[in-house]
Amino acid sequence: MHKFLLSCTASAALLGATAAYGGGTVEPSPEPEVIPAAGSSSSGGLIVPLLLLLVLAAAASSSGDGGPQPSDRRLKTDIAWIGMAKNGLPLYRYRYRGHAAVFEGVMAQDVANLYPEAVRHGASGWMGVDYGRLGLQMRRVA
């Protein structure tokens, strides 16, 4: 039976090719319909944590030379106002989402309002702050 089906399939393919190249007409085969699997993508829950790790790795690898530090409010959690800097910016204590370390610094959204030249927009859409332009330092406190 298997040999018969293979033979029929090969014959049909040969006839279709002959008709197509011999001047006959062949009905085009429809494109298969792609139906997405139910539920979420297997990588959907992995993208945001990976982006956060990349941002934090960039912050950790910074040499303190005044380059932009990730400071977008959307990357942070447990945000608490702790005072005002001499330059008029609010200071906060916070953690980066998914990490235990506690930092003190500014929010890029606040900086953008008063010192837009100190804010950089990354390709990923997150904002970073060039603390060197502000005369401030982000610091880890725990």
C-alpha atoms as a PDB file:
ATOM      1  CA  MET A   1       0.000   0.000   0.000  1.00  0.00           C
ATOM      2  CA  HIS A   2       2.852   2.355   0.918  1.00  0.00           C
ATOM      3  CA  LYS A   3       4.538   1.799  -2.475  1.00  0.00           C
ATOM      4  CA  PHE A   4       1.231   2.470  -4.217  1.00  0.00           C
ATOM      5  CA  LEU A   5       0.790   5.827  -2.446  1.00  0.00           C
ATOM      6  CA  LEU A   6       4.360   6.837  -3.257  1.00  0.00           C
ATOM      7  CA  SER A   7       3.795   5.904  -6.875  1.00  0.00           C
ATOM      8  CA  CYS A   8       0.575   7.941  -7.044  1.00  0.00           C
ATOM      9  CA  THR A   9       2.248  10.945  -5.428  1.00  0.00           C
ATOM     10  CA  ALA A  10       5.191  10.792  -7.834  1.00  0.00           C
ATOM     11  CA  SER A  11       2.847  10.435 -10.838  1.00  0.00           C
ATOM     12  CA  ALA A  12       0.746  13.394  -9.742  1.00  0.00           C
ATOM     13  CA  ALA A  13       3.856  15.512  -9.285  1.00  0.00           C
ATOM     14  CA  LEU A  14       5.154  14.514 -12.718  1.00  0.00           C
ATOM     15  CA  LEU A  15       1.810  15.300 -14.389  1.00  0.00           C
ATOM     16  CA  GLY A  16       1.638  18.672 -12.641  1.00  0.00           C
ATOM     17  CA  ALA A  17       5.181  19.523 -13.700  1.00  0.00           C
ATOM     18  CA  THR A  18       4.490  18.415 -17.270  1.00  0.00           C
ATOM     19  CA  ALA A  19       1.365  20.555 -17.466  1.00  0.00           C
ATOM     20  CA  ALA A  20       3.106  23.560 -15.958  1.00  0.00           C
ATOM     21  CA  TYR A  21       6.139  23.419 -18.225  1.00  0.00           C
ATOM     22  CA  GLY A  22       4.361  22.065 -21.288  1.00  0.00           C
ATOM     23  CA  GLY A  23       2.107  25.080 -21.727  1.00  0.00           C
ATOM     24  CA  GLY A  24      -0.874  23.690 -19.827  1.00  0.00           C
ATOM     25  CA  THR A  25      -2.445  25.368 -16.854  1.00  0.00           C
ATOM     26  CA  VAL A  26      -2.111  24.218 -13.309  1.00  0.00           C
ATOM     27  CA  GLU A  27      -4.136  25.547 -10.434  1.00  0.00           C
ATOM     28  CA  PRO A  28      -1.832  27.190  -7.893  1.00  0.00           C
ATOM     29  CA  SER A  29      -1.756  25.434  -4.591  1.00  0.00           C
ATOM     30  CA  PRO A  30      -3.030  27.638  -1.767  1.00  0.00           C
ATOM     31  CA  GLU A  31      -0.566  28.802   0.884  1.00  0.00           C
ATOM     32  CA  PRO A  32      -0.993  26.904   4.125  1.00  0.00           C
ATOM     33  CA  GLU A  33      -2.801  28.856   6.815  1.00  0.00           C
ATOM     34  CA  VAL A  34      -0.663  29.444   9.890  1.00  0.00           C
ATOM     35  CA  ILE A  35      -2.641  29.217  13.088  1.00  0.00           C
ATOM     36  CA  PRO A  36      -0.833  30.467  16.206  1.00  0.00           C
ATOM     37  CA  ALA A  37      -0.793  28.115  19.160  1.00  0.00           C
ATOM     38  CA  ALA A  38      -3.160  28.900  21.999  1.00  0.00           C
ATOM     39  CA  GLY A  39      -1.657  30.615  25.020  1.00  0.00           C
ATOM     40  CA  SER A  40       1.369  32.815  25.205  1.00  0.00           C
ATOM     41  CA  SER A  41       4.632  32.531  23.382  1.00  0.00           C
ATOM     42  CA  SER A  42       7.273  30.453  25.101  1.00  0.00           C
ATOM     43  CA  SER A  43       9.664  33.401  24.963  1.00  0.00           C
ATOM     44  CA  GLY A  44       7.120  36.078  25.923  1.00  0.00           C
ATOM     45  CA  GLY A  45       7.847  35.904  29.638  1.00  0.00           C
ATOM     46  CA  LEU A  46      11.582  35.900  29.027  1.00  0.00           C
ATOM     47  CA  ILE A  47      12.065  39.078  27.016  1.00  0.00           C
ATOM     48  CA  VAL A  48      11.499  41.687  29.751  1.00  0.00           C
ATOM     49  CA  PRO A  49      13.806  40.002  32.310  1.00  0.00           C
ATOM     50  CA  LEU A  50      16.513  39.699  29.648  1.00  0.00           C
ATOM     51  CA  LEU A  51      16.191  43.378  28.765  1.00  0.00           C
ATOM     52  CA  LEU A  52      16.455  44.278  32.441  1.00  0.00           C
ATOM     53  CA  LEU A  53      19.569  42.144  32.806  1.00  0.00           C
ATOM     54  CA  LEU A  54      21.142  43.905  29.826  1.00  0.00           C
ATOM     55  CA  VAL A  55      20.352  47.309  31.303  1.00  0.00           C
ATOM     56  CA  LEU A  56      21.733  46.356  34.707  1.00  0.00           C
ATOM     57  CA  ALA A  57      24.835  44.814  33.154  1.00  0.00           C
ATOM     58  CA  ALA A  58      25.462  48.083  31.324  1.00  0.00           C
ATOM     59  CA  ALA A  59      25.098  49.986  34.590  1.00  0.00           C
ATOM     60  CA  ALA A  60      27.404  47.619  36.459  1.00  0.00           C
ATOM     61  CA  SER A  61      30.058  47.707  33.763  1.00  0.00           C
ATOM     62  CA  SER A  62      30.110  51.492  33.593  1.00  0.00           C
ATOM     63  CA  SER A  63      33.443  52.896  34.662  1.00  0.00           C
ATOM     64  CA  GLY A  64      31.843  55.873  36.379  1.00  0.00           C
ATOM     65  CA  ASP A  65      32.996  58.162  33.569  1.00  0.00           C
ATOM     66  CA  GLY A  66      29.705  60.046  33.450  1.00  0.00           C
ATOM     67  CA  GLY A  67      28.096  57.850  30.802  1.00  0.00           C
ATOM     68  CA  PRO A  68      24.327  57.370  30.851  1.00  0.00           C
ATOM     69  CA  GLN A  69      22.980  55.104  33.590  1.00  0.00           C
ATOM     70  CA  PRO A  70      19.611  53.336  33.212  1.00  0.00           C
ATOM     71  CA  SER A  71      17.233  55.530  35.192  1.00  0.00           C
ATOM     72  CA  ASP A  72      13.843  55.052  33.577  1.00  0.00           C
ATOM     73  CA  ARG A  73      11.055  54.885  36.176  1.00  0.00           C
ATOM     74  CA  ARG A  74       9.582  51.893  34.321  1.00  0.00           C
ATOM     75  CA  LEU A  75      12.668  49.813  35.202  1.00  0.00           C
ATOM     76  CA  LYS A  76      12.304  50.435  38.940  1.00  0.00           C
ATOM     77  CA  THR A  77      10.176  49.260  41.836  1.00  0.00           C
ATOM     78  CA  ASP A  78       9.811  50.083  45.552  1.00  0.00           C
ATOM     79  CA  ILE A  79      10.369  53.749  44.712  1.00  0.00           C
ATOM     80  CA  ALA A  80      10.476  56.080  47.727  1.00  0.00           C
ATOM     81  CA  TRP A  81      11.141  59.833  47.649  1.00  0.00           C
ATOM     82  CA  ILE A  82      14.069  60.684  49.979  1.00  0.00           C
ATOM     83  CA  GLY A  83      14.692  64.377  49.317  1.00  0.00           C
ATOM     84  CA  MET A  84      15.828  66.973  46.840  1.00  0.00           C
ATOM     85  CA  ALA A  85      19.241  67.459  45.242  1.00  0.00           C
ATOM     86  CA  LYS A  86      20.830  70.928  45.200  1.00  0.00           C
ATOM     87  CA  ASN A  87      20.054  71.175  41.472  1.00  0.00           C
ATOM     88  CA  GLY A  88      16.305  70.852  42.148  1.00  0.00           C
ATOM     89  CA  LEU A  89      15.836  67.199  41.185  1.00  0.00           C
ATOM     90  CA  PRO A  90      13.928  64.830  43.442  1.00  0.00           C
ATOM     91  CA  LEU A  91      16.006  61.949  44.818  1.00  0.00           C
ATOM     92  CA  TYR A  92      14.633  58.464  45.319  1.00  0.00           C
ATOM     93  CA  ARG A  93      15.536  55.135  46.875  1.00  0.00           C
ATOM     94  CA  TYR A  94      14.548  52.205  44.624  1.00  0.00           C
ATOM     95  CA  ARG A  95      15.304  48.738  43.324  1.00  0.00           C
ATOM     96  CA  TYR A  96      15.468  47.616  39.720  1.00  0.00           C
ATOM     97  CA  ARG A  97      12.647  45.228  38.888  1.00  0.00           C
ATOM     98  CA  GLY A  98      13.601  41.647  39.650  1.00  0.00           C
ATOM     99  CA  HIS A  99      16.716  42.542  41.683  1.00  0.00           C
ATOM    100  CA  ALA A 100      17.356  42.919  45.410  1.00  0.00           C
ATOM    101  CA  ALA A 101      20.005  45.680  45.375  1.00  0.00           C
ATOM    102  CA  VAL A 102      18.811  49.103  46.597  1.00  0.00           C
ATOM    103  CA  PHE A 103      19.988  52.332  44.943  1.00  0.00           C
ATOM    104  CA  GLU A 104      19.586  56.055  45.416  1.00  0.00           C
ATOM    105  CA  GLY A 105      19.331  58.366  42.452  1.00  0.00           C
ATOM    106  CA  VAL A 106      17.016  60.207  40.102  1.00  0.00           C
ATOM    107  CA  MET A 107      14.282  59.226  37.695  1.00  0.00           C
ATOM    108  CA  ALA A 108      14.960  59.908  34.024  1.00  0.00           C
ATOM    109  CA  GLN A 109      11.467  61.309  33.572  1.00  0.00           C
ATOM    110  CA  ASP A 110      12.179  64.027  36.207  1.00  0.00           C
ATOM    111  CA  VAL A 111      15.558  64.808  34.679  1.00  0.00           C
ATOM    112  CA  ALA A 112      14.022  65.115  31.198  1.00  0.00           C
ATOM    113  CA  ASN A 113      11.801  67.950  32.470  1.00  0.00           C
ATOM    114  CA  LEU A 114      14.626  70.037  33.990  1.00  0.00           C
ATOM    115  CA  TYR A 115      17.819  68.903  32.238  1.00  0.00           C
ATOM    116  CA  PRO A 116      16.882  67.244  28.925  1.00  0.00           C
ATOM    117  CA  GLU A 117      20.513  67.380  27.748  1.00  0.00           C
ATOM    118  CA  ALA A 118      21.389  64.836  30.468  1.00  0.00           C
ATOM    119  CA  VAL A 119      18.888  62.224  29.236  1.00  0.00           C
ATOM    120  CA  ARG A 120      19.656  59.628  26.586  1.00  0.00           C
ATOM    121  CA  HIS A 121      17.057  57.442  24.883  1.00  0.00           C
ATOM    122  CA  GLY A 122      18.297  53.902  24.252  1.00  0.00           C
ATOM    123  CA  ALA A 123      17.389  51.764  21.264  1.00  0.00           C
ATOM    124  CA  SER A 124      15.230  49.634  23.560  1.00  0.00           C
ATOM    125  CA  GLY A 125      13.094  52.656  24.491  1.00  0.00           C
ATOM    126  CA  TRP A 126      14.413  53.028  28.050  1.00  0.00           C
ATOM    127  CA  MET A 127      15.833  56.359  29.189  1.00  0.00           C
ATOM    128  CA  GLY A 128      19.214  56.757  30.800  1.00  0.00           C
ATOM    129  CA  VAL A 129      20.703  59.656  32.752  1.00  0.00           C
ATOM    130  CA  ASP A 130      24.200  61.054  32.414  1.00  0.00           C
ATOM    131  CA  TYR A 131      24.812  61.717  36.120  1.00  0.00           C
ATOM    132  CA  GLY A 132      28.058  63.533  35.290  1.00  0.00           C
ATOM    133  CA  ARG A 133      26.075  66.314  33.599  1.00  0.00           C
ATOM    134  CA  LEU A 134      23.980  66.682  36.758  1.00  0.00           C
ATOM    135  CA  GLY A 135      26.850  66.779  39.242  1.00  0.00           C
ATOM    136  CA  LEU A 136      25.292  63.755  40.968  1.00  0.00           C
ATOM    137  CA  GLN A 137      26.042  60.073  41.398  1.00  0.00           C
ATOM    138  CA  MET A 138      23.711  57.119  41.518  1.00  0.00           C
ATOM    139  CA  ARG A 139      24.771  55.025  44.471  1.00  0.00           C
ATOM    140  CA  ARG A 140      24.073  51.554  45.748  1.00  0.00           C
ATOM    141  CA  VAL A 141      22.981  51.591  49.380  1.00  0.00           C
ATOM    142  CA  ALA A 142      22.168  47.929  50.025  1.00  0.00           C
END
